[in-house]
Amino acid sequence: MAGTHEDIEDAPLPEDPVRDDFSSAEKGASNLPEDVSTDISADIADEKRLHLKAFDYWLGLKGDRPLPLFGELTPGGLAPYRTNALLLEFSDAGPVVRFIGDKVSILIDAPIMAGTNLSDFPNSTFAQALIGQLADEVGRATATEFEFVEDLLDCRGIMLPFSRDGAHANFVMVVTNFRRREGLEHGESFVLDDLRMACERAARDVVHLDGGSRDSLYEALSRALALYEEGRNNPAAYQAMLAAEGLKVQARAPFTPALKLTFGKDYDKTRLTEYAAALSCAARAGKSAATLVAFLKAVPGGIKGCVQQERAERRKAKGTALHAREEAMLQAARTAKPVKLQDIKTEDEFCLILGRRNKDGAIELLGTADAGDGTTERVLRRFIQQKP
């Protein structure tokens, strides 16, 4: 079974453009309407929190209007629920998919993409259940929770209507979670397998940074991080998946196995190291798979910038070999004997001279720094760019 995840930015939205400038303060969950039950048991608390968060976002967009505008739904607003979300547009032929997250595609159990009609999946009991739930015009215009139970599958979610004009329900955002009530180990493997397939599909679409677009690469990295996160939630199934591929988790490189499952075990090691640094940098900043793409786009330098940040963090880590080398290098530079400018000799047209600020604030020269032609050229370019 496979599902195709289409990013909301790429979905066809001719009449209701999705902007990317949304920002909103979090609201409390106390405004939940009466038709959305708050009587939950401990075993579905995580799912409930996700549904409540989605409801709060919907409520914030709605304001004093009968319904929120679909045109105000943004990629950033959708990000916390993107893997669990399904956006549908109502049409005479039935609900049409505008966006589908990876975990929802598991429930459809068939290839699906933006522009597909749910009625095209008569063998999907989940799709048919959604169609039945949305058949009533009054019901689909109201925020409401739903439950879908089939065999070993236990699914809960929330339906949140959106409007083109603020008065009539033209769209609905479905946010859902599911779990296996029995046969848990098989259910966990099923989810991991589907996420891995999503990783592989994303990796096939990657155009590397030296080739132009970065978006496909960032998306593939977000899928890899989603696989890693699911692996932490289901360690036994994840370990079994890694063992089958001859991989294992190492404390010093926790993201590498998920990256190898995404891009392949024989993928360029330098790139894998950079990608792992990017995921580590994001995790240290408290980011998740849902927010990784936006994080990488915001970091100066993108992946390269993350690599530099991780190197700086490692230098700060006392007790490591890298930290010891850094300290020894700095100590040598601090105690080196200064030289006079006229004593510095070079045969090159341009050279780099290393200076040191002494305790009085004056600059002392230590000598030429043979950093190679490449470094000298980069410094020259920066120097010229800085000139007024």
Protein backbone atom coordinates (compact mmCIF):
# COMPACT_ATOMS: atom_id res chain seq x y z
CA MET A 1 0.00 0.00 0.00
CA ALA A 2 1.32 3.46 -0.81
CA GLY A 3 0.11 7.03 -0.53
CA THR A 4 1.37 10.14 -2.30
CA HIS A 5 1.88 13.17 -0.10
CA GLU A 6 1.28 16.46 -1.89
CA ASP A 7 2.51 19.59 -0.17
CA ILE A 8 -0.18 22.20 0.34
CA GLU A 9 1.97 24.76 -1.48
CA ASP A 10 1.83 22.56 -4.61
CA ALA A 11 -1.88 21.71 -4.49
CA PRO A 12 -4.05 23.42 -7.15
CA LEU A 13 -5.71 26.34 -5.41
CA PRO A 14 -6.86 28.68 -8.17
CA GLU A 15 -9.72 30.30 -6.28
CA ASP A 16 -8.43 30.13 -2.71
CA PRO A 17 -4.66 30.79 -2.65
CA VAL A 18 -2.88 29.46 0.44
CA ARG A 19 -0.63 32.13 1.87
CA ASP A 20 2.47 31.52 3.96
CA ASP A 21 2.37 34.57 6.24
CA PHE A 22 0.03 33.29 8.97
CA SER A 23 0.92 33.84 12.61
CA SER A 24 -1.45 33.36 15.51
CA ALA A 25 -1.26 33.11 19.27
CA GLU A 26 -2.38 29.83 20.79
CA LYS A 27 -5.83 29.82 22.32
CA GLY A 28 -6.97 27.66 25.20
CA ALA A 29 -9.08 24.56 24.69
CA SER A 30 -11.91 25.77 26.88
CA ASN A 31 -13.89 27.06 23.88
CA LEU A 32 -14.56 23.55 22.54
CA PRO A 33 -18.23 23.35 21.45
CA GLU A 34 -20.66 20.96 23.05
CA ASP A 35 -20.72 18.60 20.07
CA VAL A 36 -16.97 17.89 20.51
CA SER A 37 -16.64 15.62 23.53
CA THR A 38 -13.92 16.31 26.10
CA ASP A 39 -14.54 13.14 28.10
CA ILE A 40 -11.46 11.12 27.14
CA SER A 41 -9.55 8.23 28.66
CA ALA A 42 -5.80 8.23 29.25
CA ASP A 43 -5.04 5.92 26.31
CA ILE A 44 -6.17 8.52 23.73
CA ALA A 45 -4.86 11.63 25.48
CA ASP A 46 -2.18 12.29 22.84
CA GLU A 47 -4.71 12.04 20.02
CA LYS A 48 -7.08 14.35 21.88
CA ARG A 49 -4.38 16.98 22.36
CA LEU A 50 -3.72 16.97 18.62
CA HIS A 51 -7.43 17.36 17.87
CA LEU A 52 -7.82 20.16 20.40
CA LYS A 53 -4.81 21.97 18.96
CA ALA A 54 -6.30 21.72 15.48
CA PHE A 55 -9.64 22.97 16.82
CA ASP A 56 -7.96 25.95 18.50
CA TYR A 57 -6.23 26.85 15.23
CA TRP A 58 -9.55 26.58 13.38
CA LEU A 59 -11.29 28.68 16.05
CA GLY A 60 -8.63 31.37 15.80
CA LEU A 61 -9.15 31.62 12.03
CA LYS A 62 -12.93 31.68 12.41
CA GLY A 63 -13.08 34.63 14.76
CA ASP A 64 -16.59 36.14 14.78
CA ARG A 65 -17.53 34.64 11.42
CA PRO A 66 -19.77 31.58 11.05
CA LEU A 67 -16.85 29.72 9.40
CA PRO A 68 -13.14 30.43 8.79
CA LEU A 69 -11.94 31.17 5.26
CA PHE A 70 -10.07 28.43 3.44
CA GLY A 71 -7.94 31.13 1.80
CA GLU A 72 -6.50 31.95 5.24
CA LEU A 73 -5.27 28.40 5.82
CA THR A 74 -1.47 28.44 5.39
CA PRO A 75 1.33 25.86 5.13
CA GLY A 76 2.66 27.14 8.47
CA GLY A 77 -0.73 26.78 10.10
CA LEU A 78 -1.13 23.26 8.74
CA ALA A 79 2.41 22.20 9.71
CA PRO A 80 1.65 20.76 13.20
CA TYR A 81 -0.92 18.37 11.69
CA ARG A 82 0.33 17.87 8.12
CA THR A 83 1.08 14.14 8.46
CA ASN A 84 -2.31 13.58 10.12
CA ALA A 85 -4.36 15.97 7.97
CA LEU A 86 -6.71 15.62 5.02
CA LEU A 87 -8.15 18.68 3.23
CA LEU A 88 -11.28 18.09 1.17
CA GLU A 89 -13.30 20.35 -1.12
CA PHE A 90 -17.00 19.62 -1.52
CA SER A 91 -18.23 19.16 -5.10
CA ASP A 92 -21.30 17.73 -6.81
CA ALA A 93 -19.29 14.58 -7.55
CA GLY A 94 -18.20 14.18 -3.92
CA PRO A 95 -15.32 15.31 -1.68
CA VAL A 96 -12.16 16.14 -3.65
CA VAL A 97 -8.73 15.82 -2.02
CA ARG A 98 -6.79 19.10 -1.84
CA PHE A 99 -4.04 17.76 0.48
CA ILE A 100 -3.32 14.43 2.20
CA GLY A 101 -0.76 13.62 4.91
CA ASP A 102 1.27 10.42 5.00
CA LYS A 103 -0.55 8.88 7.95
CA VAL A 104 -3.96 9.54 6.40
CA SER A 105 -2.86 7.85 3.17
CA ILE A 106 -2.32 4.70 5.24
CA LEU A 107 -6.01 4.72 6.12
CA ILE A 108 -7.09 5.17 2.48
CA ASP A 109 -4.93 2.13 1.58
CA ALA A 110 -4.51 3.15 -2.08
CA PRO A 111 -2.42 5.60 -4.15
CA ILE A 112 -3.98 9.03 -3.73
CA MET A 113 -3.04 12.60 -4.60
CA ALA A 114 -4.44 16.10 -4.75
CA GLY A 115 -7.37 16.35 -7.15
CA THR A 116 -8.58 12.80 -6.45
CA ASN A 117 -12.22 12.24 -5.50
CA LEU A 118 -12.84 10.09 -2.42
CA SER A 119 -15.57 8.30 -4.35
CA ASP A 120 -12.80 6.82 -6.52
CA PHE A 121 -11.94 4.49 -3.63
CA PRO A 122 -14.97 2.23 -3.16
CA ASN A 123 -12.83 -0.46 -1.51
CA SER A 124 -11.52 1.89 1.19
CA THR A 125 -13.88 1.63 4.15
CA PHE A 126 -12.29 4.71 5.70
CA ALA A 127 -12.90 6.79 2.55
CA GLN A 128 -16.47 5.55 2.34
CA ALA A 129 -17.02 6.32 6.03
CA LEU A 130 -15.82 9.89 5.47
CA ILE A 131 -18.15 10.29 2.50
CA GLY A 132 -21.06 9.12 4.65
CA GLN A 133 -20.06 11.43 7.50
CA LEU A 134 -19.94 14.42 5.14
CA ALA A 135 -23.14 13.63 3.24
CA ASP A 136 -25.28 15.75 5.56
CA GLU A 137 -24.91 19.46 4.69
CA VAL A 138 -25.69 20.58 8.25
CA GLY A 139 -23.23 18.09 9.73
CA ARG A 140 -20.36 19.04 7.48
CA ALA A 141 -20.74 22.71 8.41
CA THR A 142 -20.10 21.95 12.11
CA ALA A 143 -16.83 21.18 13.91
CA THR A 144 -17.27 17.66 15.23
CA GLU A 145 -15.30 14.63 16.35
CA PHE A 146 -15.68 11.20 14.78
CA GLU A 147 -14.60 7.63 15.45
CA PHE A 148 -13.91 4.87 12.93
CA VAL A 149 -13.40 1.28 14.11
CA GLU A 150 -12.62 -1.64 11.82
CA ASP A 151 -11.13 -5.02 12.73
CA LEU A 152 -7.87 -4.15 14.57
CA LEU A 153 -8.00 -0.47 13.59
CA ASP A 154 -9.14 2.22 16.03
CA CYS A 155 -9.29 5.68 14.43
CA ARG A 156 -10.35 8.98 15.99
CA GLY A 157 -10.38 12.42 14.46
CA ILE A 158 -11.95 15.84 14.17
CA MET A 159 -13.64 17.51 11.19
CA LEU A 160 -13.26 21.27 10.84
CA PRO A 161 -15.23 23.08 8.10
CA PHE A 162 -13.83 25.95 6.05
CA SER A 163 -15.58 28.37 3.72
CA ARG A 164 -14.92 30.25 0.54
CA ASP A 165 -17.08 33.20 1.60
CA GLY A 166 -17.18 32.85 5.40
CA ALA A 167 -20.80 31.68 5.46
CA HIS A 168 -21.09 28.36 3.58
CA ALA A 169 -19.07 25.17 4.13
CA ASN A 170 -17.04 24.47 0.97
CA PHE A 171 -14.10 22.61 2.50
CA VAL A 172 -13.24 20.47 5.52
CA MET A 173 -9.97 19.76 7.31
CA VAL A 174 -9.85 16.28 8.81
CA VAL A 175 -7.21 15.66 11.50
CA THR A 176 -7.01 12.03 12.58
CA ASN A 177 -4.96 9.48 14.50
CA PHE A 178 -5.21 5.70 14.45
CA ARG A 179 -3.82 2.74 16.34
CA ARG A 180 -3.91 -1.02 16.25
CA ARG A 181 -5.94 -2.39 19.17
CA GLU A 182 -4.48 -5.90 18.82
CA GLY A 183 -1.53 -7.35 16.95
CA LEU A 184 0.42 -4.26 18.02
CA GLU A 185 3.81 -5.32 16.73
CA HIS A 186 2.39 -5.87 13.24
CA GLY A 187 0.61 -2.51 13.37
CA GLU A 188 3.81 -0.65 14.34
CA SER A 189 5.74 -2.33 11.51
CA PHE A 190 2.95 -1.39 9.11
CA VAL A 191 3.23 2.31 10.00
CA LEU A 192 7.03 2.27 9.78
CA ASP A 193 6.95 0.49 6.43
CA ASP A 194 4.61 3.09 5.00
CA LEU A 195 6.74 5.96 6.32
CA ARG A 196 9.81 4.33 4.83
CA MET A 197 8.11 4.09 1.43
CA ALA A 198 7.23 7.77 1.73
CA CYS A 199 10.92 8.48 2.45
CA GLU A 200 12.05 6.56 -0.60
CA ARG A 201 9.53 8.30 -2.84
CA ALA A 202 10.67 11.71 -1.58
CA ALA A 203 14.34 10.81 -2.05
CA ARG A 204 13.71 9.87 -5.69
CA ASP A 205 12.41 13.38 -6.30
CA VAL A 206 15.43 15.11 -4.77
CA VAL A 207 17.33 17.66 -6.84
CA HIS A 208 20.51 18.40 -4.91
CA LEU A 209 21.55 21.88 -3.95
CA ASP A 210 24.26 21.96 -6.58
CA GLY A 211 21.59 21.26 -9.16
CA GLY A 212 19.16 23.98 -8.22
CA SER A 213 16.05 23.34 -6.10
CA ARG A 214 16.36 22.73 -2.38
CA ASP A 215 12.67 22.12 -1.64
CA SER A 216 12.63 18.46 -2.68
CA LEU A 217 15.70 17.78 -0.53
CA TYR A 218 14.18 19.50 2.51
CA GLU A 219 10.99 17.49 2.02
CA ALA A 220 12.96 14.22 1.87
CA LEU A 221 14.76 15.18 5.08
CA SER A 222 11.43 15.87 6.80
CA ARG A 223 10.28 12.37 5.80
CA ALA A 224 13.49 10.88 7.21
CA LEU A 225 12.93 12.74 10.47
CA ALA A 226 9.33 11.48 10.58
CA LEU A 227 10.65 7.92 10.22
CA TYR A 228 13.14 8.53 13.02
CA GLU A 229 10.42 9.95 15.28
CA GLU A 230 8.14 6.98 14.64
CA GLY A 231 11.10 4.70 15.35
CA ARG A 232 11.54 6.29 18.77
CA ASN A 233 7.86 5.70 19.50
CA ASN A 234 8.10 2.07 18.35
CA PRO A 235 11.70 1.02 19.08
CA ALA A 236 11.20 -2.74 18.72
CA ALA A 237 9.69 -2.47 15.24
CA TYR A 238 12.31 0.12 14.25
CA GLN A 239 15.18 -2.05 15.45
CA ALA A 240 13.75 -4.96 13.47
CA MET A 241 13.57 -2.80 10.34
CA LEU A 242 17.17 -1.65 10.77
CA ALA A 243 18.43 -5.17 11.48
CA ALA A 244 16.82 -6.41 8.27
CA GLU A 245 18.92 -3.84 6.38
CA GLY A 246 22.11 -4.48 8.34
CA LEU A 247 21.88 -1.12 10.12
CA LYS A 248 22.03 -0.19 13.77
CA VAL A 249 21.55 2.93 15.86
CA GLN A 250 24.63 4.58 17.34
CA ALA A 251 24.35 7.16 20.11
CA ARG A 252 26.73 9.54 18.34
CA ALA A 253 24.80 9.31 15.04
CA PRO A 254 21.12 8.68 15.86
CA PHE A 255 19.72 10.05 12.57
CA THR A 256 22.03 8.22 10.18
CA PRO A 257 20.04 4.95 9.96
CA ALA A 258 16.83 6.79 9.02
CA LEU A 259 18.78 8.78 6.43
CA LYS A 260 20.26 5.60 4.95
CA LEU A 261 16.79 4.06 4.76
CA THR A 262 15.68 7.20 2.93
CA PHE A 263 18.55 7.79 0.51
CA GLY A 264 20.16 4.33 0.43
CA LYS A 265 23.01 2.68 2.31
CA ASP A 266 25.49 3.52 -0.48
CA TYR A 267 24.56 7.18 -0.61
CA ASP A 268 27.40 9.73 -0.49
CA LYS A 269 28.77 9.69 3.08
CA THR A 270 29.64 13.39 3.10
CA ARG A 271 26.08 14.34 2.21
CA LEU A 272 24.67 11.92 4.80
CA THR A 273 26.90 13.52 7.44
CA GLU A 274 25.64 16.97 6.48
CA TYR A 275 22.02 15.82 6.50
CA ALA A 276 22.49 14.22 9.92
CA ALA A 277 23.95 17.50 11.20
CA ALA A 278 20.92 19.36 9.86
CA LEU A 279 18.53 17.00 11.66
CA SER A 280 20.59 17.24 14.84
CA CYS A 281 20.55 21.04 14.65
CA ALA A 282 16.77 21.02 14.16
CA ALA A 283 16.22 18.61 17.04
CA ARG A 284 18.38 20.74 19.31
CA ALA A 285 16.15 23.70 18.38
CA GLY A 286 13.05 21.71 19.36
CA LYS A 287 11.85 21.15 15.78
CA SER A 288 10.02 18.09 14.47
CA ALA A 289 9.32 16.56 11.07
CA ALA A 290 6.28 18.81 10.73
CA THR A 291 8.34 22.00 11.13
CA LEU A 292 11.67 20.91 9.64
CA VAL A 293 11.20 22.37 6.15
CA ALA A 294 10.32 25.81 7.50
CA PHE A 295 13.25 25.61 9.94
CA LEU A 296 15.78 24.77 7.22
CA LYS A 297 14.48 27.57 5.01
CA ALA A 298 14.86 30.03 7.89
CA VAL A 299 18.40 29.02 8.92
CA PRO A 300 21.03 31.22 7.21
CA GLY A 301 22.82 28.93 4.80
CA GLY A 302 20.28 26.14 5.08
CA ILE A 303 21.94 22.76 5.57
CA LYS A 304 25.43 24.28 5.41
CA GLY A 305 24.42 26.72 8.11
CA CYS A 306 23.21 23.84 10.29
CA VAL A 307 26.53 22.07 9.77
CA GLN A 308 28.39 25.15 10.97
CA GLN A 309 26.14 25.43 14.04
CA GLU A 310 26.71 21.78 14.91
CA ARG A 311 30.46 22.15 14.57
CA ALA A 312 30.34 25.15 16.90
CA GLU A 313 28.32 23.14 19.42
CA ARG A 314 30.80 20.27 19.28
CA ARG A 315 33.67 22.64 19.91
CA LYS A 316 31.92 23.74 23.08
CA ALA A 317 31.51 20.17 24.31
CA LYS A 318 34.25 19.74 26.93
CA GLY A 319 36.01 16.42 27.25
CA THR A 320 35.85 15.55 23.54
CA ALA A 321 38.91 15.09 21.34
CA LEU A 322 37.74 17.95 19.14
CA HIS A 323 37.45 20.28 22.12
CA ALA A 324 40.94 19.29 23.29
CA ARG A 325 42.40 20.05 19.85
CA GLU A 326 40.61 23.39 19.73
CA GLU A 327 41.92 24.37 23.15
CA ALA A 328 45.47 23.34 22.28
CA MET A 329 45.31 25.34 19.05
CA LEU A 330 43.99 28.44 20.80
CA GLN A 331 46.60 28.19 23.53
CA ALA A 332 49.37 27.96 20.96
CA ALA A 333 48.04 31.06 19.20
CA ARG A 334 47.75 32.95 22.50
CA THR A 335 51.36 32.28 23.46
CA ALA A 336 52.97 32.68 20.00
CA LYS A 337 55.59 35.43 19.79
CA PRO A 338 54.40 38.44 17.74
CA VAL A 339 56.36 39.58 14.69
CA LYS A 340 56.86 42.93 12.96
CA LEU A 341 55.12 43.67 9.68
CA GLN A 342 58.43 44.25 7.89
CA ASP A 343 59.59 40.78 8.94
CA ILE A 344 56.64 39.04 7.24
CA LYS A 345 57.74 37.55 3.91
CA THR A 346 55.60 36.17 1.08
CA GLU A 347 56.05 35.54 -2.64
CA ASP A 348 52.32 35.66 -3.39
CA GLU A 349 50.51 38.76 -4.63
CA PHE A 350 48.00 38.42 -1.79
CA CYS A 351 48.34 36.67 1.55
CA LEU A 352 46.45 36.25 4.81
CA ILE A 353 48.05 37.59 7.95
CA LEU A 354 46.90 36.31 11.34
CA GLY A 355 46.49 38.91 14.06
CA ARG A 356 45.84 38.72 17.81
CA ARG A 357 44.39 41.30 20.15
CA ASN A 358 46.58 41.61 23.24
CA LYS A 359 45.50 42.46 26.79
CA ASP A 360 45.93 46.18 26.08
CA GLY A 361 43.58 45.99 23.10
CA ALA A 362 46.30 46.46 20.50
CA ILE A 363 46.62 44.17 17.46
CA GLU A 364 49.72 41.99 17.26
CA LEU A 365 50.78 40.18 14.09
CA LEU A 366 51.63 36.49 14.28
CA GLY A 367 52.60 35.83 10.66
CA THR A 368 51.14 34.61 7.39
CA ALA A 369 48.41 32.00 7.39
CA ASP A 370 48.94 29.51 4.57
CA ALA A 371 45.28 28.60 4.12
CA GLY A 372 45.47 27.67 0.43
CA ASP A 373 44.44 29.53 -2.70
CA GLY A 374 40.76 28.67 -2.27
CA THR A 375 40.51 30.27 1.15
CA THR A 376 42.44 33.35 0.04
CA GLU A 377 40.11 33.82 -2.91
CA ARG A 378 37.01 33.52 -0.70
CA VAL A 379 38.42 36.10 1.71
CA LEU A 380 39.19 38.43 -1.18
CA ARG A 381 35.64 38.13 -2.51
CA ARG A 382 34.20 38.95 0.90
CA PHE A 383 36.60 41.88 1.28
CA ILE A 384 35.60 43.35 -2.09
CA GLN A 385 31.88 42.84 -1.35
CA GLN A 386 32.26 44.72 1.91
CA LYS A 387 33.88 47.72 0.26
CA PRO A 388 31.43 50.67 -0.20
